[in-house]
């Protein structure tokens, strides 16, 4: 895992900011979407669970899927750790959204829950 871009303290103890890169050939019909989340999401949510949730919402529900995934991560942190919640960021990009004849708005979404005084995402 690469992280800590610009974190000079982290780099002094071996944390690197060099990204891990993998090149894939994407295929319409097989590859539906791309999801990137911070480690606060992956702590309590399995990859397949996230994939199932996002696929269920579909490309038109991409913002709702991002919000649900972020909210579920938040709720699991609260259930497991009480008032401690790690960073939670969700980015979803549908690779081949349906062709509607209009701009493909709604095929990209992000969600970061609000932490101020609440146990629920904002």
PDB file of N, CA and C in Angstrom:
ATOM      1  N   UNK A   1       0.854  -1.164   0.000  1.00  0.00           N
ATOM      2  CA  UNK A   1       0.000   0.000   0.000  1.00  0.00           C
ATOM      3  C   UNK A   1       0.900   1.228   0.000  1.00  0.00           C
ATOM      4  N   UNK A   2       0.563   2.200  -0.801  1.00  0.00           N
ATOM      5  CA  UNK A   2       1.317   3.446  -0.775  1.00  0.00           C
ATOM      6  C   UNK A   2       0.441   4.523  -0.149  1.00  0.00           C
ATOM      7  N   UNK A   3       1.053   5.360   0.592  1.00  0.00           N
ATOM      8  CA  UNK A   3       0.335   6.417   1.278  1.00  0.00           C
ATOM      9  C   UNK A   3       1.316   7.480   1.726  1.00  0.00           C
ATOM     10  N   UNK A   4       0.849   8.433   2.454  1.00  0.00           N
ATOM     11  CA  UNK A   4       1.700   9.435   3.092  1.00  0.00           C
ATOM     12  C   UNK A   4       2.365  10.383   2.110  1.00  0.00           C
ATOM     13  N   UNK A   5       1.700  10.751   1.039  1.00  0.00           N
ATOM     14  CA  UNK A   5       2.270  11.719   0.108  1.00  0.00           C
ATOM     15  C   UNK A   5       2.495  13.018   0.877  1.00  0.00           C
ATOM     16  N   UNK A   6       3.727  13.462   0.917  1.00  0.00           N
ATOM     17  CA  UNK A   6       4.066  14.685   1.631  1.00  0.00           C
ATOM     18  C   UNK A   6       4.271  14.506   3.124  1.00  0.00           C
ATOM     19  N   UNK A   7       4.165  13.298   3.627  1.00  0.00           N
ATOM     20  CA  UNK A   7       4.323  13.041   5.058  1.00  0.00           C
ATOM     21  C   UNK A   7       5.784  12.723   5.359  1.00  0.00           C
ATOM     22  N   UNK A   8       6.551  13.750   5.719  1.00  0.00           N
ATOM     23  CA  UNK A   8       7.979  13.544   5.977  1.00  0.00           C
ATOM     24  C   UNK A   8       8.220  12.771   7.259  1.00  0.00           C
ATOM     25  N   UNK A   9       7.329  12.880   8.231  1.00  0.00           N
ATOM     26  CA  UNK A   9       7.477  12.104   9.467  1.00  0.00           C
ATOM     27  C   UNK A   9       7.283  10.623   9.168  1.00  0.00           C
ATOM     28  N   UNK A  10       6.250  10.301   8.407  1.00  0.00           N
ATOM     29  CA  UNK A  10       5.988   8.903   8.049  1.00  0.00           C
ATOM     30  C   UNK A  10       7.132   8.305   7.247  1.00  0.00           C
ATOM     31  N   UNK A  11       7.693   9.095   6.343  1.00  0.00           N
ATOM     32  CA  UNK A  11       8.778   8.569   5.517  1.00  0.00           C
ATOM     33  C   UNK A  11      10.019   8.254   6.347  1.00  0.00           C
ATOM     34  N   UNK A  12      10.183   8.926   7.487  1.00  0.00           N
ATOM     35  CA  UNK A  12      11.350   8.660   8.335  1.00  0.00           C
ATOM     36  C   UNK A  12      11.282   7.282   8.987  1.00  0.00           C
ATOM     37  N   UNK A  13      10.102   6.675   9.019  1.00  0.00           N
ATOM     38  CA  UNK A  13       9.983   5.332   9.612  1.00  0.00           C
ATOM     39  C   UNK A  13       9.568   4.287   8.573  1.00  0.00           C
ATOM     40  N   UNK A  14       9.756   4.606   7.291  1.00  0.00           N
ATOM     41  CA  UNK A  14       9.568   3.598   6.258  1.00  0.00           C
ATOM     42  C   UNK A  14       8.278   3.670   5.472  1.00  0.00           C
ATOM     43  N   UNK A  15       7.379   4.597   5.792  1.00  0.00           N
ATOM     44  CA  UNK A  15       6.147   4.755   5.010  1.00  0.00           C
ATOM     45  C   UNK A  15       6.517   5.482   3.726  1.00  0.00           C
ATOM     46  N   UNK A  16       6.067   4.950   2.589  1.00  0.00           N
ATOM     47  CA  UNK A  16       6.442   5.521   1.301  1.00  0.00           C
ATOM     48  C   UNK A  16       5.259   6.182   0.609  1.00  0.00           C
ATOM     49  N   UNK A  17       5.569   7.082  -0.302  1.00  0.00           N
ATOM     50  CA  UNK A  17       4.509   7.724  -1.085  1.00  0.00           C
ATOM     51  C   UNK A  17       4.545   7.295  -2.546  1.00  0.00           C
ATOM     52  N   UNK A  18       5.393   6.319  -2.864  1.00  0.00           N
ATOM     53  CA  UNK A  18       5.433   5.808  -4.230  1.00  0.00           C
ATOM     54  C   UNK A  18       4.196   4.956  -4.479  1.00  0.00           C
ATOM     55  N   UNK A  19       3.410   5.299  -5.496  1.00  0.00           N
ATOM     56  CA  UNK A  19       2.175   4.551  -5.729  1.00  0.00           C
ATOM     57  C   UNK A  19       2.434   3.139  -6.262  1.00  0.00           C
ATOM     58  N   UNK A  20       1.558   2.222  -5.899  1.00  0.00           N
ATOM     59  CA  UNK A  20       1.524   0.897  -6.513  1.00  0.00           C
ATOM     60  C   UNK A  20       0.660   1.041  -7.758  1.00  0.00           C
ATOM     61  N   UNK A  21       1.171   0.656  -8.903  1.00  0.00           N
ATOM     62  CA  UNK A  21       0.449   0.845 -10.155  1.00  0.00           C
ATOM     63  C   UNK A  21       0.281  -0.493 -10.859  1.00  0.00           C
ATOM     64  N   UNK A  22      -0.948  -0.745 -11.310  1.00  0.00           N
ATOM     65  CA  UNK A  22      -1.241  -1.925 -12.113  1.00  0.00           C
ATOM     66  C   UNK A  22      -2.002  -1.465 -13.345  1.00  0.00           C
ATOM     67  N   UNK A  23      -1.594  -1.936 -14.505  1.00  0.00           N
ATOM     68  CA  UNK A  23      -2.276  -1.588 -15.742  1.00  0.00           C
ATOM     69  C   UNK A  23      -3.192  -2.735 -16.135  1.00  0.00           C
ATOM     70  N   UNK A  24      -4.448  -2.403 -16.435  1.00  0.00           N
ATOM     71  CA  UNK A  24      -5.443  -3.401 -16.807  1.00  0.00           C
ATOM     72  C   UNK A  24      -6.070  -3.037 -18.144  1.00  0.00           C
ATOM     73  N   UNK A  25      -6.425  -4.047 -18.914  1.00  0.00           N
ATOM     74  CA  UNK A  25      -7.218  -3.824 -20.114  1.00  0.00           C
ATOM     75  C   UNK A  25      -8.681  -3.904 -19.711  1.00  0.00           C
ATOM     76  N   UNK A  26      -9.402  -2.791 -19.835  1.00  0.00           N
ATOM     77  CA  UNK A  26     -10.807  -2.744 -19.452  1.00  0.00           C
ATOM     78  C   UNK A  26     -11.676  -3.217 -20.604  1.00  0.00           C
ATOM     79  N   UNK A  27     -12.738  -3.919 -20.249  1.00  0.00           N
ATOM     80  CA  UNK A  27     -13.631  -4.457 -21.267  1.00  0.00           C
ATOM     81  C   UNK A  27     -15.076  -4.118 -20.894  1.00  0.00           C
ATOM     82  N   UNK A  28     -15.759  -3.455 -21.820  1.00  0.00           N
ATOM     83  CA  UNK A  28     -17.166  -3.121 -21.606  1.00  0.00           C
ATOM     84  C   UNK A  28     -17.959  -4.413 -21.435  1.00  0.00           C
ATOM     85  N   UNK A  29     -18.851  -4.427 -20.465  1.00  0.00           N
ATOM     86  CA  UNK A  29     -19.641  -5.614 -20.179  1.00  0.00           C
ATOM     87  C   UNK A  29     -19.043  -6.469 -19.075  1.00  0.00           C
ATOM     88  N   UNK A  30     -17.739  -6.380 -18.894  1.00  0.00           N
ATOM     89  CA  UNK A  30     -17.070  -7.129 -17.835  1.00  0.00           C
ATOM     90  C   UNK A  30     -16.672  -6.204 -16.691  1.00  0.00           C
ATOM     91  N   UNK A  31     -16.081  -5.076 -17.027  1.00  0.00           N
ATOM     92  CA  UNK A  31     -15.608  -4.118 -16.031  1.00  0.00           C
ATOM     93  C   UNK A  31     -16.629  -2.993 -15.928  1.00  0.00           C
ATOM     94  N   UNK A  32     -17.281  -2.898 -14.792  1.00  0.00           N
ATOM     95  CA  UNK A  32     -18.381  -1.952 -14.647  1.00  0.00           C
ATOM     96  C   UNK A  32     -17.977  -0.626 -14.023  1.00  0.00           C
ATOM     97  N   UNK A  33     -17.240  -0.697 -12.928  1.00  0.00           N
ATOM     98  CA  UNK A  33     -16.897   0.528 -12.220  1.00  0.00           C
ATOM     99  C   UNK A  33     -15.572   0.370 -11.512  1.00  0.00           C
ATOM    100  N   UNK A  34     -15.072   1.512 -11.044  1.00  0.00           N
ATOM    101  CA  UNK A  34     -13.811   1.596 -10.340  1.00  0.00           C
ATOM    102  C   UNK A  34     -14.131   2.239  -8.997  1.00  0.00           C
ATOM    103  N   UNK A  35     -13.662   1.654  -7.915  1.00  0.00           N
ATOM    104  CA  UNK A  35     -13.913   2.222  -6.587  1.00  0.00           C
ATOM    105  C   UNK A  35     -12.588   2.386  -5.849  1.00  0.00           C
ATOM    106  N   UNK A  36     -12.397   3.563  -5.302  1.00  0.00           N
ATOM    107  CA  UNK A  36     -11.219   3.871  -4.497  1.00  0.00           C
ATOM    108  C   UNK A  36     -11.722   4.384  -3.159  1.00  0.00           C
ATOM    109  N   UNK A  37     -11.235   3.771  -2.094  1.00  0.00           N
ATOM    110  CA  UNK A  37     -11.651   4.185  -0.759  1.00  0.00           C
ATOM    111  C   UNK A  37     -10.446   4.289   0.153  1.00  0.00           C
ATOM    112  N   UNK A  38     -10.563   5.121   1.142  1.00  0.00           N
ATOM    113  CA  UNK A  38      -9.508   5.211   2.150  1.00  0.00           C
ATOM    114  C   UNK A  38      -9.576   3.982   3.054  1.00  0.00           C
ATOM    115  N   UNK A  39      -8.513   3.778   3.813  1.00  0.00           N
ATOM    116  CA  UNK A  39      -8.437   2.581   4.658  1.00  0.00           C
ATOM    117  C   UNK A  39      -9.524   2.538   5.725  1.00  0.00           C
ATOM    118  N   UNK A  40     -10.129   3.661   6.042  1.00  0.00           N
ATOM    119  CA  UNK A  40     -11.228   3.668   7.005  1.00  0.00           C
ATOM    120  C   UNK A  40     -12.449   2.908   6.511  1.00  0.00           C
ATOM    121  N   UNK A  41     -12.588   2.771   5.216  1.00  0.00           N
ATOM    122  CA  UNK A  41     -13.682   1.972   4.646  1.00  0.00           C
ATOM    123  C   UNK A  41     -13.329   0.493   4.713  1.00  0.00           C
ATOM    124  N   UNK A  42     -12.109   0.158   4.298  1.00  0.00           N
ATOM    125  CA  UNK A  42     -11.719  -1.248   4.178  1.00  0.00           C
ATOM    126  C   UNK A  42     -11.470  -1.929   5.522  1.00  0.00           C
ATOM    127  N   UNK A  43     -11.401  -1.170   6.599  1.00  0.00           N
ATOM    128  CA  UNK A  43     -11.179  -1.769   7.918  1.00  0.00           C
ATOM    129  C   UNK A  43     -12.281  -2.757   8.296  1.00  0.00           C
ATOM    130  N   UNK A  44     -13.543  -2.432   7.959  1.00  0.00           N
ATOM    131  CA  UNK A  44     -14.674  -3.271   8.367  1.00  0.00           C
ATOM    132  C   UNK A  44     -15.559  -3.726   7.213  1.00  0.00           C
ATOM    133  N   UNK A  45     -15.227  -3.348   5.987  1.00  0.00           N
ATOM    134  CA  UNK A  45     -16.050  -3.724   4.833  1.00  0.00           C
ATOM    135  C   UNK A  45     -15.186  -4.483   3.835  1.00  0.00           C
ATOM    136  N   UNK A  46     -15.625  -5.678   3.481  1.00  0.00           N
ATOM    137  CA  UNK A  46     -14.899  -6.511   2.515  1.00  0.00           C
ATOM    138  C   UNK A  46     -15.096  -5.949   1.103  1.00  0.00           C
ATOM    139  N   UNK A  47     -14.124  -6.193   0.249  1.00  0.00           N
ATOM    140  CA  UNK A  47     -14.195  -5.712  -1.128  1.00  0.00           C
ATOM    141  C   UNK A  47     -15.470  -6.176  -1.826  1.00  0.00           C
ATOM    142  N   UNK A  48     -15.810  -7.463  -1.690  1.00  0.00           N
ATOM    143  CA  UNK A  48     -16.989  -7.988  -2.376  1.00  0.00           C
ATOM    144  C   UNK A  48     -18.270  -7.342  -1.869  1.00  0.00           C
ATOM    145  N   UNK A  49     -18.338  -7.050  -0.579  1.00  0.00           N
ATOM    146  CA  UNK A  49     -19.510  -6.368  -0.026  1.00  0.00           C
ATOM    147  C   UNK A  49     -19.666  -4.982  -0.650  1.00  0.00           C
ATOM    148  N   UNK A  50     -18.568  -4.259  -0.805  1.00  0.00           N
ATOM    149  CA  UNK A  50     -18.617  -2.942  -1.439  1.00  0.00           C
ATOM    150  C   UNK A  50     -19.056  -3.055  -2.897  1.00  0.00           C
ATOM    151  N   UNK A  51     -18.493  -4.023  -3.614  1.00  0.00           N
ATOM    152  CA  UNK A  51     -18.855  -4.241  -5.015  1.00  0.00           C
ATOM    153  C   UNK A  51     -20.338  -4.544  -5.150  1.00  0.00           C
ATOM    154  N   UNK A  52     -20.859  -5.419  -4.298  1.00  0.00           N
ATOM    155  CA  UNK A  52     -22.282  -5.777  -4.359  1.00  0.00           C
ATOM    156  C   UNK A  52     -23.174  -4.565  -4.102  1.00  0.00           C
ATOM    157  N   UNK A  53     -22.807  -3.761  -3.129  1.00  0.00           N
ATOM    158  CA  UNK A  53     -23.601  -2.571  -2.798  1.00  0.00           C
ATOM    159  C   UNK A  53     -23.608  -1.594  -3.976  1.00  0.00           C
ATOM    160  N   UNK A  54     -22.453  -1.339  -4.559  1.00  0.00           N
ATOM    161  CA  UNK A  54     -22.352  -0.383  -5.663  1.00  0.00           C
ATOM    162  C   UNK A  54     -23.104  -0.892  -6.889  1.00  0.00           C
ATOM    163  N   UNK A  55     -22.922  -2.172  -7.229  1.00  0.00           N
ATOM    164  CA  UNK A  55     -23.600  -2.755  -8.390  1.00  0.00           C
ATOM    165  C   UNK A  55     -25.116  -2.708  -8.221  1.00  0.00           C
ATOM    166  N   UNK A  56     -25.582  -2.929  -7.008  1.00  0.00           N
ATOM    167  CA  UNK A  56     -27.025  -2.904  -6.737  1.00  0.00           C
ATOM    168  C   UNK A  56     -27.624  -1.520  -7.024  1.00  0.00           C
ATOM    169  N   UNK A  57     -26.893  -0.460  -6.736  1.00  0.00           N
ATOM    170  CA  UNK A  57     -27.391   0.900  -6.957  1.00  0.00           C
ATOM    171  C   UNK A  57     -27.343   1.293  -8.434  1.00  0.00           C
ATOM    172  N   UNK A  58     -26.426   0.709  -9.191  1.00  0.00           N
ATOM    173  CA  UNK A  58     -26.322   1.015 -10.616  1.00  0.00           C
ATOM    174  C   UNK A  58     -25.717   2.389 -10.870  1.00  0.00           C
ATOM    175  N   UNK A  59     -25.439   2.686 -12.139  1.00  0.00           N
ATOM    176  CA  UNK A  59     -24.786   3.957 -12.468  1.00  0.00           C
ATOM    177  C   UNK A  59     -25.629   5.184 -12.134  1.00  0.00           C
ATOM    178  N   UNK A  60     -26.950   5.066 -12.192  1.00  0.00           N
ATOM    179  CA  UNK A  60     -27.796   6.217 -11.866  1.00  0.00           C
ATOM    180  C   UNK A  60     -27.825   6.481 -10.356  1.00  0.00           C
ATOM    181  N   UNK A  61     -27.483   5.490  -9.563  1.00  0.00           N
ATOM    182  CA  UNK A  61     -27.465   5.641  -8.109  1.00  0.00           C
ATOM    183  C   UNK A  61     -26.063   5.733  -7.542  1.00  0.00           C
ATOM    184  N   UNK A  62     -25.136   6.233  -8.348  1.00  0.00           N
ATOM    185  CA  UNK A  62     -23.736   6.237  -7.924  1.00  0.00           C
ATOM    186  C   UNK A  62     -23.516   7.105  -6.682  1.00  0.00           C
ATOM    187  N   UNK A  63     -24.155   8.257  -6.590  1.00  0.00           N
ATOM    188  CA  UNK A  63     -23.971   9.097  -5.395  1.00  0.00           C
ATOM    189  C   UNK A  63     -24.572   8.420  -4.174  1.00  0.00           C
ATOM    190  N   UNK A  64     -25.739   7.817  -4.342  1.00  0.00           N
ATOM    191  CA  UNK A  64     -26.356   7.094  -3.233  1.00  0.00           C
ATOM    192  C   UNK A  64     -25.469   5.930  -2.784  1.00  0.00           C
ATOM    193  N   UNK A  65     -24.878   5.226  -3.739  1.00  0.00           N
ATOM    194  CA  UNK A  65     -23.985   4.117  -3.394  1.00  0.00           C
ATOM    195  C   UNK A  65     -22.784   4.619  -2.596  1.00  0.00           C
ATOM    196  N   UNK A  66     -22.189   5.727  -3.022  1.00  0.00           N
ATOM    197  CA  UNK A  66     -21.048   6.300  -2.291  1.00  0.00           C
ATOM    198  C   UNK A  66     -21.454   6.699  -0.882  1.00  0.00           C
ATOM    199  N   UNK A  67     -22.621   7.318  -0.753  1.00  0.00           N
ATOM    200  CA  UNK A  67     -23.107   7.732   0.570  1.00  0.00           C
ATOM    201  C   UNK A  67     -23.407   6.527   1.464  1.00  0.00           C
ATOM    202  N   UNK A  68     -24.026   5.494   0.892  1.00  0.00           N
ATOM    203  CA  UNK A  68     -24.348   4.294   1.673  1.00  0.00           C
ATOM    204  C   UNK A  68     -23.075   3.600   2.136  1.00  0.00           C
ATOM    205  N   UNK A  69     -22.101   3.459   1.244  1.00  0.00           N
ATOM    206  CA  UNK A  69     -20.852   2.795   1.601  1.00  0.00           C
ATOM    207  C   UNK A  69     -20.115   3.581   2.692  1.00  0.00           C
ATOM    208  N   UNK A  70     -20.025   4.888   2.539  1.00  0.00           N
ATOM    209  CA  UNK A  70     -19.375   5.723   3.555  1.00  0.00           C
ATOM    210  C   UNK A  70     -20.132   5.649   4.876  1.00  0.00           C
ATOM    211  N   UNK A  71     -21.457   5.691   4.809  1.00  0.00           N
ATOM    212  CA  UNK A  71     -22.270   5.610   6.025  1.00  0.00           C
ATOM    213  C   UNK A  71     -22.135   4.282   6.737  1.00  0.00           C
ATOM    214  N   UNK A  72     -22.084   3.208   5.972  1.00  0.00           N
ATOM    215  CA  UNK A  72     -21.937   1.879   6.566  1.00  0.00           C
ATOM    216  C   UNK A  72     -20.565   1.742   7.229  1.00  0.00           C
ATOM    217  N   UNK A  73     -19.533   2.259   6.580  1.00  0.00           N
ATOM    218  CA  UNK A  73     -18.195   2.237   7.185  1.00  0.00           C
ATOM    219  C   UNK A  73     -18.205   3.019   8.502  1.00  0.00           C
ATOM    220  N   UNK A  74     -18.820   4.191   8.474  1.00  0.00           N
ATOM    221  CA  UNK A  74     -18.927   5.028   9.684  1.00  0.00           C
ATOM    222  C   UNK A  74     -19.633   4.261  10.803  1.00  0.00           C
ATOM    223  N   UNK A  75     -20.768   3.663  10.489  1.00  0.00           N
ATOM    224  CA  UNK A  75     -21.548   2.937  11.506  1.00  0.00           C
ATOM    225  C   UNK A  75     -20.763   1.772  12.097  1.00  0.00           C
ATOM    226  N   UNK A  76     -19.992   1.084  11.269  1.00  0.00           N
ATOM    227  CA  UNK A  76     -19.208  -0.043  11.777  1.00  0.00           C
ATOM    228  C   UNK A  76     -18.065   0.419  12.666  1.00  0.00           C
ATOM    229  N   UNK A  77     -17.457   1.550  12.326  1.00  0.00           N
ATOM    230  CA  UNK A  77     -16.428   2.100  13.206  1.00  0.00           C
ATOM    231  C   UNK A  77     -17.025   2.434  14.576  1.00  0.00           C
ATOM    232  N   UNK A  78     -18.180   3.087  14.580  1.00  0.00           N
ATOM    233  CA  UNK A  78     -18.829   3.466  15.844  1.00  0.00           C
ATOM    234  C   UNK A  78     -19.185   2.212  16.642  1.00  0.00           C
ATOM    235  N   UNK A  79     -19.729   1.194  15.971  1.00  0.00           N
ATOM    236  CA  UNK A  79     -20.111  -0.049  16.657  1.00  0.00           C
ATOM    237  C   UNK A  79     -18.890  -0.756  17.254  1.00  0.00           C
ATOM    238  N   UNK A  80     -17.765  -0.726  16.553  1.00  0.00           N
ATOM    239  CA  UNK A  80     -16.563  -1.441  17.004  1.00  0.00           C
ATOM    240  C   UNK A  80     -15.685  -0.631  17.947  1.00  0.00           C
ATOM    241  N   UNK A  81     -15.564   0.660  17.685  1.00  0.00           N
ATOM    242  CA  UNK A  81     -14.576   1.473  18.394  1.00  0.00           C
ATOM    243  C   UNK A  81     -15.161   2.597  19.242  1.00  0.00           C
ATOM    244  N   UNK A  82     -16.468   2.731  19.271  1.00  0.00           N
ATOM    245  CA  UNK A  82     -17.064   3.818  20.046  1.00  0.00           C
ATOM    246  C   UNK A  82     -16.925   5.139  19.325  1.00  0.00           C
ATOM    247  N   UNK A  83     -16.174   6.053  19.886  1.00  0.00           N
ATOM    248  CA  UNK A  83     -16.068   7.396  19.308  1.00  0.00           C
ATOM    249  C   UNK A  83     -14.876   7.561  18.363  1.00  0.00           C
ATOM    250  N   UNK A  84     -14.155   6.484  18.078  1.00  0.00           N
ATOM    251  CA  UNK A  84     -12.988   6.562  17.193  1.00  0.00           C
ATOM    252  C   UNK A  84     -13.405   6.139  15.781  1.00  0.00           C
ATOM    253  N   UNK A  85     -13.162   7.021  14.807  1.00  0.00           N
ATOM    254  CA  UNK A  85     -13.463   6.721  13.410  1.00  0.00           C
ATOM    255  C   UNK A  85     -12.278   7.165  12.572  1.00  0.00           C
ATOM    256  N   UNK A  86     -11.734   6.239  11.775  1.00  0.00           N
ATOM    257  CA  UNK A  86     -10.637   6.567  10.869  1.00  0.00           C
ATOM    258  C   UNK A  86     -11.200   7.350   9.678  1.00  0.00           C
ATOM    259  N   UNK A  87     -10.316   7.891   8.863  1.00  0.00           N
ATOM    260  CA  UNK A  87     -10.763   8.626   7.684  1.00  0.00           C
ATOM    261  C   UNK A  87     -11.587   7.734   6.763  1.00  0.00           C
ATOM    262  N   UNK A  88     -12.669   8.293   6.245  1.00  0.00           N
ATOM    263  CA  UNK A  88     -13.571   7.558   5.360  1.00  0.00           C
ATOM    264  C   UNK A  88     -13.810   8.401   4.117  1.00  0.00           C
ATOM    265  N   UNK A  89     -13.301   7.911   3.001  1.00  0.00           N
ATOM    266  CA  UNK A  89     -13.516   8.577   1.720  1.00  0.00           C
ATOM    267  C   UNK A  89     -13.858   7.509   0.687  1.00  0.00           C
ATOM    268  N   UNK A  90     -14.884   7.775  -0.110  1.00  0.00           N
ATOM    269  CA  UNK A  90     -15.330   6.839  -1.147  1.00  0.00           C
ATOM    270  C   UNK A  90     -15.366   7.578  -2.475  1.00  0.00           C
ATOM    271  N   UNK A  91     -14.751   6.999  -3.487  1.00  0.00           N
ATOM    272  CA  UNK A  91     -14.809   7.499  -4.860  1.00  0.00           C
ATOM    273  C   UNK A  91     -15.267   6.347  -5.743  1.00  0.00           C
ATOM    274  N   UNK A  92     -16.305   6.587  -6.561  1.00  0.00           N
ATOM    275  CA  UNK A  92     -16.827   5.561  -7.474  1.00  0.00           C
ATOM    276  C   UNK A  92     -16.899   6.165  -8.877  1.00  0.00           C
ATOM    277  N   UNK A  93     -16.349   5.459  -9.833  1.00  0.00           N
ATOM    278  CA  UNK A  93     -16.408   5.893 -11.227  1.00  0.00           C
ATOM    279  C   UNK A  93     -16.957   4.741 -12.054  1.00  0.00           C
ATOM    280  N   UNK A  94     -18.120   4.943 -12.660  1.00  0.00           N
ATOM    281  CA  UNK A  94     -18.660   3.940 -13.585  1.00  0.00           C
ATOM    282  C   UNK A  94     -17.906   4.079 -14.889  1.00  0.00           C
ATOM    283  N   UNK A  95     -17.332   2.991 -15.366  1.00  0.00           N
ATOM    284  CA  UNK A  95     -16.470   3.026 -16.539  1.00  0.00           C
ATOM    285  C   UNK A  95     -17.235   3.146 -17.850  1.00  0.00           C
ATOM    286  N   UNK A  96     -18.335   2.445 -17.953  1.00  0.00           N
ATOM    287  CA  UNK A  96     -19.120   2.437 -19.181  1.00  0.00           C
ATOM    288  C   UNK A  96     -20.577   2.707 -18.837  1.00  0.00           C
ATOM    289  N   UNK A  97     -20.894   3.968 -18.465  1.00  0.00           N
ATOM    290  CA  UNK A  97     -22.281   4.274 -18.107  1.00  0.00           C
ATOM    291  C   UNK A  97     -23.200   4.090 -19.307  1.00  0.00           C
ATOM    292  N   UNK A  98     -24.485   3.810 -19.050  1.00  0.00           N
ATOM    293  CA  UNK A  98     -25.419   3.622 -20.163  1.00  0.00           C
ATOM    294  C   UNK A  98     -25.488   4.873 -21.033  1.00  0.00           C
ATOM    295  N   UNK A  99     -25.661   4.659 -22.295  1.00  0.00           N
ATOM    296  CA  UNK A  99     -25.775   5.782 -23.223  1.00  0.00           C
ATOM    297  C   UNK A  99     -27.209   6.291 -23.189  1.00  0.00           C
ATOM    298  N   UNK A 100     -27.362   7.565 -22.792  1.00  0.00           N
ATOM    299  CA  UNK A 100     -28.693   8.128 -22.617  1.00  0.00           C
ATOM    300  C   UNK A 100     -28.992   9.232 -23.623  1.00  0.00           C
ATOM    301  N   UNK A 101     -28.008   9.618 -24.417  1.00  0.00           N
ATOM    302  CA  UNK A 101     -28.215  10.733 -25.331  1.00  0.00           C
ATOM    303  C   UNK A 101     -27.936  12.065 -24.669  1.00  0.00           C
ATOM    304  N   UNK A 102     -27.718  12.073 -23.331  1.00  0.00           N
ATOM    305  CA  UNK A 102     -27.375  13.295 -22.626  1.00  0.00           C
ATOM    306  C   UNK A 102     -25.994  13.117 -22.012  1.00  0.00           C
ATOM    307  N   UNK A 103     -25.529  14.185 -21.419  1.00  0.00           N
ATOM    308  CA  UNK A 103     -24.241  14.098 -20.728  1.00  0.00           C
ATOM    309  C   UNK A 103     -24.330  13.006 -19.669  1.00  0.00           C
ATOM    310  N   UNK A 104     -23.230  12.313 -19.448  1.00  0.00           N
ATOM    311  CA  UNK A 104     -23.217  11.207 -18.499  1.00  0.00           C
ATOM    312  C   UNK A 104     -23.051  11.676 -17.059  1.00  0.00           C
ATOM    313  N   UNK A 105     -23.778  12.715 -16.670  1.00  0.00           N
ATOM    314  CA  UNK A 105     -23.755  13.146 -15.284  1.00  0.00           C
ATOM    315  C   UNK A 105     -24.262  12.035 -14.397  1.00  0.00           C
ATOM    316  N   UNK A 106     -23.755  11.962 -13.200  1.00  0.00           N
ATOM    317  CA  UNK A 106     -24.192  10.927 -12.275  1.00  0.00           C
ATOM    318  C   UNK A 106     -23.411   9.639 -12.383  1.00  0.00           C
ATOM    319  N   UNK A 107     -22.358   9.589 -13.206  1.00  0.00           N
ATOM    320  CA  UNK A 107     -21.577   8.372 -13.310  1.00  0.00           C
ATOM    321  C   UNK A 107     -20.327   8.408 -12.431  1.00  0.00           C
ATOM    322  N   UNK A 108     -20.095   9.536 -11.765  1.00  0.00           N
ATOM    323  CA  UNK A 108     -18.961   9.689 -10.856  1.00  0.00           C
ATOM    324  C   UNK A 108     -19.486  10.283  -9.559  1.00  0.00           C
ATOM    325  N   UNK A 109     -19.040   9.734  -8.427  1.00  0.00           N
ATOM    326  CA  UNK A 109     -19.494  10.266  -7.145  1.00  0.00           C
ATOM    327  C   UNK A 109     -18.423  10.093  -6.100  1.00  0.00           C
ATOM    328  N   UNK A 110     -18.505  10.930  -5.084  1.00  0.00           N
ATOM    329  CA  UNK A 110     -17.634  10.779  -3.926  1.00  0.00           C
ATOM    330  C   UNK A 110     -18.431  11.094  -2.678  1.00  0.00           C
ATOM    331  N   UNK A 111     -17.970  10.564  -1.565  1.00  0.00           N
ATOM    332  CA  UNK A 111     -18.647  10.809  -0.304  1.00  0.00           C
ATOM    333  C   UNK A 111     -17.632  10.789   0.823  1.00  0.00           C
ATOM    334  N   UNK A 112     -17.729  11.780   1.686  1.00  0.00           N
ATOM    335  CA  UNK A 112     -16.932  11.850   2.901  1.00  0.00           C
ATOM    336  C   UNK A 112     -17.902  12.238   4.007  1.00  0.00           C
ATOM    337  N   UNK A 113     -18.145  11.340   4.986  1.00  0.00           N
ATOM    338  CA  UNK A 113     -19.121  11.683   6.026  1.00  0.00           C
ATOM    339  C   UNK A 113     -18.642  12.796   6.929  1.00  0.00           C
ATOM    340  N   UNK A 114     -19.594  13.574   7.416  1.00  0.00           N
ATOM    341  CA  UNK A 114     -19.294  14.644   8.365  1.00  0.00           C
ATOM    342  C   UNK A 114     -19.030  14.033   9.733  1.00  0.00           C
ATOM    343  N   UNK A 115     -18.040  14.536  10.414  1.00  0.00           N
ATOM    344  CA  UNK A 115     -17.693  13.994  11.737  1.00  0.00           C
ATOM    345  C   UNK A 115     -18.120  14.913  12.865  1.00  0.00           C
ATOM    346  N   UNK A 116     -18.531  16.115  12.587  1.00  0.00           N
ATOM    347  CA  UNK A 116     -18.767  17.113  13.624  1.00  0.00           C
ATOM    348  C   UNK A 116     -19.995  16.788  14.459  1.00  0.00           C
ATOM    349  N   UNK A 117     -19.765  16.286  15.656  1.00  0.00           N
ATOM    350  CA  UNK A 117     -20.823  16.109  16.638  1.00  0.00           C
ATOM    351  C   UNK A 117     -21.886  15.101  16.280  1.00  0.00           C
ATOM    352  N   UNK A 118     -21.569  14.116  15.445  1.00  0.00           N
ATOM    353  CA  UNK A 118     -22.590  13.178  15.037  1.00  0.00           C
ATOM    354  C   UNK A 118     -21.973  11.800  14.850  1.00  0.00           C
ATOM    355  N   UNK A 119     -22.779  10.772  15.055  1.00  0.00           N
ATOM    356  CA  UNK A 119     -22.352   9.412  14.765  1.00  0.00           C
ATOM    357  C   UNK A 119     -22.848   8.970  13.418  1.00  0.00           C
ATOM    358  N   UNK A 120     -23.420   9.865  12.643  1.00  0.00           N
ATOM    359  CA  UNK A 120     -23.940   9.532  11.323  1.00  0.00           C
ATOM    360  C   UNK A 120     -23.251  10.392  10.289  1.00  0.00           C
ATOM    361  N   UNK A 121     -23.121   9.842   9.074  1.00  0.00           N
ATOM    362  CA  UNK A 121     -22.536  10.666   8.014  1.00  0.00           C
ATOM    363  C   UNK A 121     -23.429  11.843   7.692  1.00  0.00           C
ATOM    364  N   UNK A 122     -22.797  12.947   7.234  1.00  0.00           N
ATOM    365  CA  UNK A 122     -23.527  14.171   6.968  1.00  0.00           C
ATOM    366  C   UNK A 122     -24.150  14.263   5.671  1.00  0.00           C
TER     367      UNK A 122
END
